[in-house]
């Protein structure tokens, strides 16, 4: 039996110069959720910035942060 539920990282609304804030949302694949995939290792792995996921600091590459 396959997986019927996945976790998606949902961006919170904000302006360009605001801290990036996200939350994790569980969705059913049967509901055909709209999503876009981005690699968390996109760009120079030594050039990182912090974003907030569910209120916790999380480091991502600067390139990924720019695309979020």
PDB file of N, CA and C in Angstrom:
ATOM      1  N   UNK A   1       0.844  -1.169   0.000  1.00  0.00           N
ATOM      2  CA  UNK A   1       0.000   0.000   0.000  1.00  0.00           C
ATOM      3  C   UNK A   1       0.896   1.240   0.000  1.00  0.00           C
ATOM      4  N   UNK A   2       0.560   2.235  -0.836  1.00  0.00           N
ATOM      5  CA  UNK A   2       1.373   3.430  -0.958  1.00  0.00           C
ATOM      6  C   UNK A   2       1.008   4.487   0.056  1.00  0.00           C
ATOM      7  N   UNK A   3       1.780   5.534   0.026  1.00  0.00           N
ATOM      8  CA  UNK A   3       1.543   6.678   0.919  1.00  0.00           C
ATOM      9  C   UNK A   3       0.370   7.497   0.382  1.00  0.00           C
ATOM     10  N   UNK A   4      -0.570   7.838   1.229  1.00  0.00           N
ATOM     11  CA  UNK A   4      -1.718   8.625   0.785  1.00  0.00           C
ATOM     12  C   UNK A   4      -1.673  10.056   1.303  1.00  0.00           C
ATOM     13  N   UNK A   5      -0.651  10.396   2.079  1.00  0.00           N
ATOM     14  CA  UNK A   5      -0.540  11.723   2.657  1.00  0.00           C
ATOM     15  C   UNK A   5       0.907  12.198   2.542  1.00  0.00           C
ATOM     16  N   UNK A   6       1.087  13.482   2.237  1.00  0.00           N
ATOM     17  CA  UNK A   6       2.432  14.060   2.173  1.00  0.00           C
ATOM     18  C   UNK A   6       2.457  15.352   2.985  1.00  0.00           C
ATOM     19  N   UNK A   7       3.659  15.839   3.259  1.00  0.00           N
ATOM     20  CA  UNK A   7       3.838  17.122   3.948  1.00  0.00           C
ATOM     21  C   UNK A   7       4.293  18.155   2.927  1.00  0.00           C
ATOM     22  N   UNK A   8       3.629  19.304   2.956  1.00  0.00           N
ATOM     23  CA  UNK A   8       4.010  20.418   2.097  1.00  0.00           C
ATOM     24  C   UNK A   8       4.436  21.597   2.961  1.00  0.00           C
ATOM     25  N   UNK A   9       5.436  22.304   2.499  1.00  0.00           N
ATOM     26  CA  UNK A   9       5.876  23.527   3.164  1.00  0.00           C
ATOM     27  C   UNK A   9       5.089  24.678   2.554  1.00  0.00           C
ATOM     28  N   UNK A  10       4.267  25.335   3.355  1.00  0.00           N
ATOM     29  CA  UNK A  10       3.418  26.418   2.879  1.00  0.00           C
ATOM     30  C   UNK A  10       4.019  27.756   3.316  1.00  0.00           C
ATOM     31  N   UNK A  11       4.205  28.667   2.377  1.00  0.00           N
ATOM     32  CA  UNK A  11       4.727  29.999   2.685  1.00  0.00           C
ATOM     33  C   UNK A  11       3.640  30.864   3.293  1.00  0.00           C
ATOM     34  N   UNK A  12       4.009  31.613   4.328  1.00  0.00           N
ATOM     35  CA  UNK A  12       3.103  32.587   4.928  1.00  0.00           C
ATOM     36  C   UNK A  12       3.193  33.875   4.101  1.00  0.00           C
ATOM     37  N   UNK A  13       2.131  34.662   4.028  1.00  0.00           N
ATOM     38  CA  UNK A  13       2.184  35.927   3.283  1.00  0.00           C
ATOM     39  C   UNK A  13       3.237  36.869   3.873  1.00  0.00           C
ATOM     40  N   UNK A  14       3.826  37.693   3.030  1.00  0.00           N
ATOM     41  CA  UNK A  14       4.804  38.663   3.490  1.00  0.00           C
ATOM     42  C   UNK A  14       5.339  39.486   2.338  1.00  0.00           C
ATOM     43  N   UNK A  15       6.058  40.529   2.657  1.00  0.00           N
ATOM     44  CA  UNK A  15       6.676  41.395   1.651  1.00  0.00           C
ATOM     45  C   UNK A  15       8.088  40.897   1.360  1.00  0.00           C
ATOM     46  N   UNK A  16       8.662  41.430   0.292  1.00  0.00           N
ATOM     47  CA  UNK A  16       9.971  40.968  -0.177  1.00  0.00           C
ATOM     48  C   UNK A  16      11.039  41.026   0.914  1.00  0.00           C
ATOM     49  N   UNK A  17      11.053  42.072   1.739  1.00  0.00           N
ATOM     50  CA  UNK A  17      12.117  42.232   2.732  1.00  0.00           C
ATOM     51  C   UNK A  17      11.770  41.650   4.099  1.00  0.00           C
ATOM     52  N   UNK A  18      10.636  40.953   4.236  1.00  0.00           N
ATOM     53  CA  UNK A  18      10.260  40.297   5.491  1.00  0.00           C
ATOM     54  C   UNK A  18      10.988  38.967   5.637  1.00  0.00           C
ATOM     55  N   UNK A  19      11.111  38.511   6.868  1.00  0.00           N
ATOM     56  CA  UNK A  19      11.633  37.170   7.121  1.00  0.00           C
ATOM     57  C   UNK A  19      10.700  36.155   6.459  1.00  0.00           C
ATOM     58  N   UNK A  20      11.276  35.122   5.845  1.00  0.00           N
ATOM     59  CA  UNK A  20      10.460  34.079   5.234  1.00  0.00           C
ATOM     60  C   UNK A  20       9.919  33.186   6.339  1.00  0.00           C
ATOM     61  N   UNK A  21       8.604  33.071   6.388  1.00  0.00           N
ATOM     62  CA  UNK A  21       7.943  32.244   7.393  1.00  0.00           C
ATOM     63  C   UNK A  21       7.096  31.193   6.688  1.00  0.00           C
ATOM     64  N   UNK A  22       7.200  29.967   7.173  1.00  0.00           N
ATOM     65  CA  UNK A  22       6.504  28.840   6.565  1.00  0.00           C
ATOM     66  C   UNK A  22       5.850  27.976   7.639  1.00  0.00           C
ATOM     67  N   UNK A  23       4.973  27.119   7.197  1.00  0.00           N
ATOM     68  CA  UNK A  23       4.389  26.116   8.080  1.00  0.00           C
ATOM     69  C   UNK A  23       4.331  24.810   7.306  1.00  0.00           C
ATOM     70  N   UNK A  24       4.264  23.710   8.023  1.00  0.00           N
ATOM     71  CA  UNK A  24       4.141  22.396   7.394  1.00  0.00           C
ATOM     72  C   UNK A  24       2.674  22.000   7.425  1.00  0.00           C
ATOM     73  N   UNK A  25       2.185  21.566   6.282  1.00  0.00           N
ATOM     74  CA  UNK A  25       0.790  21.173   6.174  1.00  0.00           C
ATOM     75  C   UNK A  25       0.718  19.749   5.617  1.00  0.00           C
ATOM     76  N   UNK A  26      -0.084  18.919   6.256  1.00  0.00           N
ATOM     77  CA  UNK A  26      -0.304  17.558   5.775  1.00  0.00           C
ATOM     78  C   UNK A  26      -1.470  17.582   4.805  1.00  0.00           C
ATOM     79  N   UNK A  27      -1.286  16.985   3.631  1.00  0.00           N
ATOM     80  CA  UNK A  27      -2.352  16.958   2.627  1.00  0.00           C
ATOM     81  C   UNK A  27      -2.518  15.543   2.086  1.00  0.00           C
ATOM     82  N   UNK A  28      -3.721  15.228   1.675  1.00  0.00           N
ATOM     83  CA  UNK A  28      -4.019  13.931   1.072  1.00  0.00           C
ATOM     84  C   UNK A  28      -3.720  13.997  -0.421  1.00  0.00           C
ATOM     85  N   UNK A  29      -3.019  12.997  -0.923  1.00  0.00           N
ATOM     86  CA  UNK A  29      -2.726  12.959  -2.347  1.00  0.00           C
ATOM     87  C   UNK A  29      -3.998  12.801  -3.166  1.00  0.00           C
ATOM     88  N   UNK A  30      -5.011  12.173  -2.606  1.00  0.00           N
ATOM     89  CA  UNK A  30      -6.286  12.008  -3.309  1.00  0.00           C
ATOM     90  C   UNK A  30      -6.929  13.355  -3.630  1.00  0.00           C
ATOM     91  N   UNK A  31      -6.576  14.405  -2.887  1.00  0.00           N
ATOM     92  CA  UNK A  31      -7.130  15.745  -3.128  1.00  0.00           C
ATOM     93  C   UNK A  31      -6.368  16.506  -4.201  1.00  0.00           C
ATOM     94  N   UNK A  32      -5.333  15.861  -4.796  1.00  0.00           N
ATOM     95  CA  UNK A  32      -4.532  16.455  -5.869  1.00  0.00           C
ATOM     96  C   UNK A  32      -4.042  17.860  -5.500  1.00  0.00           C
ATOM     97  N   UNK A  33      -3.247  17.970  -4.431  1.00  0.00           N
ATOM     98  CA  UNK A  33      -2.818  19.299  -3.969  1.00  0.00           C
ATOM     99  C   UNK A  33      -1.908  19.994  -4.979  1.00  0.00           C
ATOM    100  N   UNK A  34      -2.127  21.284  -5.161  1.00  0.00           N
ATOM    101  CA  UNK A  34      -1.258  22.091  -6.026  1.00  0.00           C
ATOM    102  C   UNK A  34       0.058  22.332  -5.294  1.00  0.00           C
ATOM    103  N   UNK A  35       1.174  22.155  -5.987  1.00  0.00           N
ATOM    104  CA  UNK A  35       2.472  22.355  -5.346  1.00  0.00           C
ATOM    105  C   UNK A  35       3.543  22.614  -6.397  1.00  0.00           C
ATOM    106  N   UNK A  36       4.650  23.187  -5.935  1.00  0.00           N
ATOM    107  CA  UNK A  36       5.841  23.407  -6.745  1.00  0.00           C
ATOM    108  C   UNK A  36       7.008  22.856  -5.956  1.00  0.00           C
ATOM    109  N   UNK A  37       7.869  22.093  -6.605  1.00  0.00           N
ATOM    110  CA  UNK A  37       9.016  21.492  -5.909  1.00  0.00           C
ATOM    111  C   UNK A  37      10.274  22.335  -6.109  1.00  0.00           C
ATOM    112  N   UNK A  38      10.964  22.630  -5.002  1.00  0.00           N
ATOM    113  CA  UNK A  38      12.257  23.309  -5.028  1.00  0.00           C
ATOM    114  C   UNK A  38      13.220  22.486  -4.180  1.00  0.00           C
ATOM    115  N   UNK A  39      14.478  22.414  -4.603  1.00  0.00           N
ATOM    116  CA  UNK A  39      15.472  21.658  -3.852  1.00  0.00           C
ATOM    117  C   UNK A  39      15.961  22.458  -2.653  1.00  0.00           C
ATOM    118  N   UNK A  40      16.012  21.827  -1.485  1.00  0.00           N
ATOM    119  CA  UNK A  40      16.523  22.525  -0.300  1.00  0.00           C
ATOM    120  C   UNK A  40      18.029  22.698  -0.362  1.00  0.00           C
ATOM    121  N   UNK A  41      18.719  22.066  -1.312  1.00  0.00           N
ATOM    122  CA  UNK A  41      20.172  22.222  -1.456  1.00  0.00           C
ATOM    123  C   UNK A  41      20.525  23.059  -2.680  1.00  0.00           C
ATOM    124  N   UNK A  42      19.604  23.865  -3.159  1.00  0.00           N
ATOM    125  CA  UNK A  42      19.800  24.688  -4.332  1.00  0.00           C
ATOM    126  C   UNK A  42      20.847  25.756  -4.047  1.00  0.00           C
ATOM    127  N   UNK A  43      21.930  25.764  -4.823  1.00  0.00           N
ATOM    128  CA  UNK A  43      22.942  26.813  -4.706  1.00  0.00           C
ATOM    129  C   UNK A  43      24.139  26.407  -3.864  1.00  0.00           C
ATOM    130  N   UNK A  44      24.905  27.399  -3.458  1.00  0.00           N
ATOM    131  CA  UNK A  44      26.126  27.224  -2.669  1.00  0.00           C
ATOM    132  C   UNK A  44      25.749  26.811  -1.246  1.00  0.00           C
ATOM    133  N   UNK A  45      26.128  25.602  -0.862  1.00  0.00           N
ATOM    134  CA  UNK A  45      25.756  25.062   0.447  1.00  0.00           C
ATOM    135  C   UNK A  45      26.400  25.798   1.621  1.00  0.00           C
ATOM    136  N   UNK A  46      27.430  26.615   1.339  1.00  0.00           N
ATOM    137  CA  UNK A  46      28.076  27.373   2.418  1.00  0.00           C
ATOM    138  C   UNK A  46      27.481  28.773   2.578  1.00  0.00           C
ATOM    139  N   UNK A  47      26.642  29.191   1.647  1.00  0.00           N
ATOM    140  CA  UNK A  47      26.010  30.515   1.691  1.00  0.00           C
ATOM    141  C   UNK A  47      24.558  30.333   2.133  1.00  0.00           C
ATOM    142  N   UNK A  48      24.318  30.425   3.443  1.00  0.00           N
ATOM    143  CA  UNK A  48      22.987  30.132   3.975  1.00  0.00           C
ATOM    144  C   UNK A  48      22.364  31.342   4.669  1.00  0.00           C
ATOM    145  N   UNK A  49      21.051  31.302   4.767  1.00  0.00           N
ATOM    146  CA  UNK A  49      20.271  32.291   5.505  1.00  0.00           C
ATOM    147  C   UNK A  49      19.225  31.519   6.305  1.00  0.00           C
ATOM    148  N   UNK A  50      18.658  32.184   7.308  1.00  0.00           N
ATOM    149  CA  UNK A  50      17.639  31.525   8.123  1.00  0.00           C
ATOM    150  C   UNK A  50      16.243  31.892   7.656  1.00  0.00           C
ATOM    151  N   UNK A  51      15.371  30.888   7.658  1.00  0.00           N
ATOM    152  CA  UNK A  51      13.942  31.103   7.476  1.00  0.00           C
ATOM    153  C   UNK A  51      13.269  30.506   8.703  1.00  0.00           C
ATOM    154  N   UNK A  52      11.993  30.763   8.851  1.00  0.00           N
ATOM    155  CA  UNK A  52      11.255  30.239   9.992  1.00  0.00           C
ATOM    156  C   UNK A  52      10.254  29.189   9.518  1.00  0.00           C
ATOM    157  N   UNK A  53      10.335  27.986  10.085  1.00  0.00           N
ATOM    158  CA  UNK A  53       9.380  26.922   9.780  1.00  0.00           C
ATOM    159  C   UNK A  53       8.706  26.544  11.087  1.00  0.00           C
ATOM    160  N   UNK A  54       7.405  26.808  11.150  1.00  0.00           N
ATOM    161  CA  UNK A  54       6.608  26.528  12.361  1.00  0.00           C
ATOM    162  C   UNK A  54       7.245  27.168  13.592  1.00  0.00           C
ATOM    163  N   UNK A  55       7.776  28.389  13.417  1.00  0.00           N
ATOM    164  CA  UNK A  55       8.362  29.128  14.526  1.00  0.00           C
ATOM    165  C   UNK A  55       9.787  28.738  14.889  1.00  0.00           C
ATOM    166  N   UNK A  56      10.375  27.801  14.159  1.00  0.00           N
ATOM    167  CA  UNK A  56      11.745  27.361  14.429  1.00  0.00           C
ATOM    168  C   UNK A  56      12.678  27.842  13.320  1.00  0.00           C
ATOM    169  N   UNK A  57      13.867  28.310  13.696  1.00  0.00           N
ATOM    170  CA  UNK A  57      14.856  28.749  12.712  1.00  0.00           C
ATOM    171  C   UNK A  57      15.378  27.546  11.941  1.00  0.00           C
ATOM    172  N   UNK A  58      15.521  27.727  10.623  1.00  0.00           N
ATOM    173  CA  UNK A  58      15.990  26.656   9.753  1.00  0.00           C
ATOM    174  C   UNK A  58      16.870  27.285   8.687  1.00  0.00           C
ATOM    175  N   UNK A  59      18.083  26.763   8.483  1.00  0.00           N
ATOM    176  CA  UNK A  59      19.000  27.317   7.492  1.00  0.00           C
ATOM    177  C   UNK A  59      18.742  26.696   6.115  1.00  0.00           C
ATOM    178  N   UNK A  60      18.689  27.586   5.109  1.00  0.00           N
ATOM    179  CA  UNK A  60      18.570  27.160   3.717  1.00  0.00           C
ATOM    180  C   UNK A  60      19.589  27.949   2.907  1.00  0.00           C
ATOM    181  N   UNK A  61      19.868  27.490   1.706  1.00  0.00           N
ATOM    182  CA  UNK A  61      20.797  28.238   0.864  1.00  0.00           C
ATOM    183  C   UNK A  61      20.166  29.568   0.458  1.00  0.00           C
ATOM    184  N   UNK A  62      21.030  30.551   0.203  1.00  0.00           N
ATOM    185  CA  UNK A  62      20.559  31.875  -0.197  1.00  0.00           C
ATOM    186  C   UNK A  62      19.757  31.786  -1.504  1.00  0.00           C
ATOM    187  N   UNK A  63      20.194  30.930  -2.436  1.00  0.00           N
ATOM    188  CA  UNK A  63      19.463  30.777  -3.697  1.00  0.00           C
ATOM    189  C   UNK A  63      18.053  30.262  -3.450  1.00  0.00           C
ATOM    190  N   UNK A  64      17.894  29.278  -2.581  1.00  0.00           N
ATOM    191  CA  UNK A  64      16.553  28.775  -2.265  1.00  0.00           C
ATOM    192  C   UNK A  64      15.722  29.854  -1.605  1.00  0.00           C
ATOM    193  N   UNK A  65      16.301  30.592  -0.667  1.00  0.00           N
ATOM    194  CA  UNK A  65      15.581  31.672   0.015  1.00  0.00           C
ATOM    195  C   UNK A  65      15.095  32.710  -0.987  1.00  0.00           C
ATOM    196  N   UNK A  66      15.927  33.077  -1.949  1.00  0.00           N
ATOM    197  CA  UNK A  66      15.543  34.055  -2.971  1.00  0.00           C
ATOM    198  C   UNK A  66      14.363  33.545  -3.789  1.00  0.00           C
ATOM    199  N   UNK A  67      14.350  32.265  -4.095  1.00  0.00           N
ATOM    200  CA  UNK A  67      13.265  31.698  -4.899  1.00  0.00           C
ATOM    201  C   UNK A  67      11.991  31.464  -4.118  1.00  0.00           C
ATOM    202  N   UNK A  68      12.108  31.319  -2.806  1.00  0.00           N
ATOM    203  CA  UNK A  68      10.899  31.215  -1.990  1.00  0.00           C
ATOM    204  C   UNK A  68      10.199  32.558  -1.956  1.00  0.00           C
TER     205      UNK A  68
END
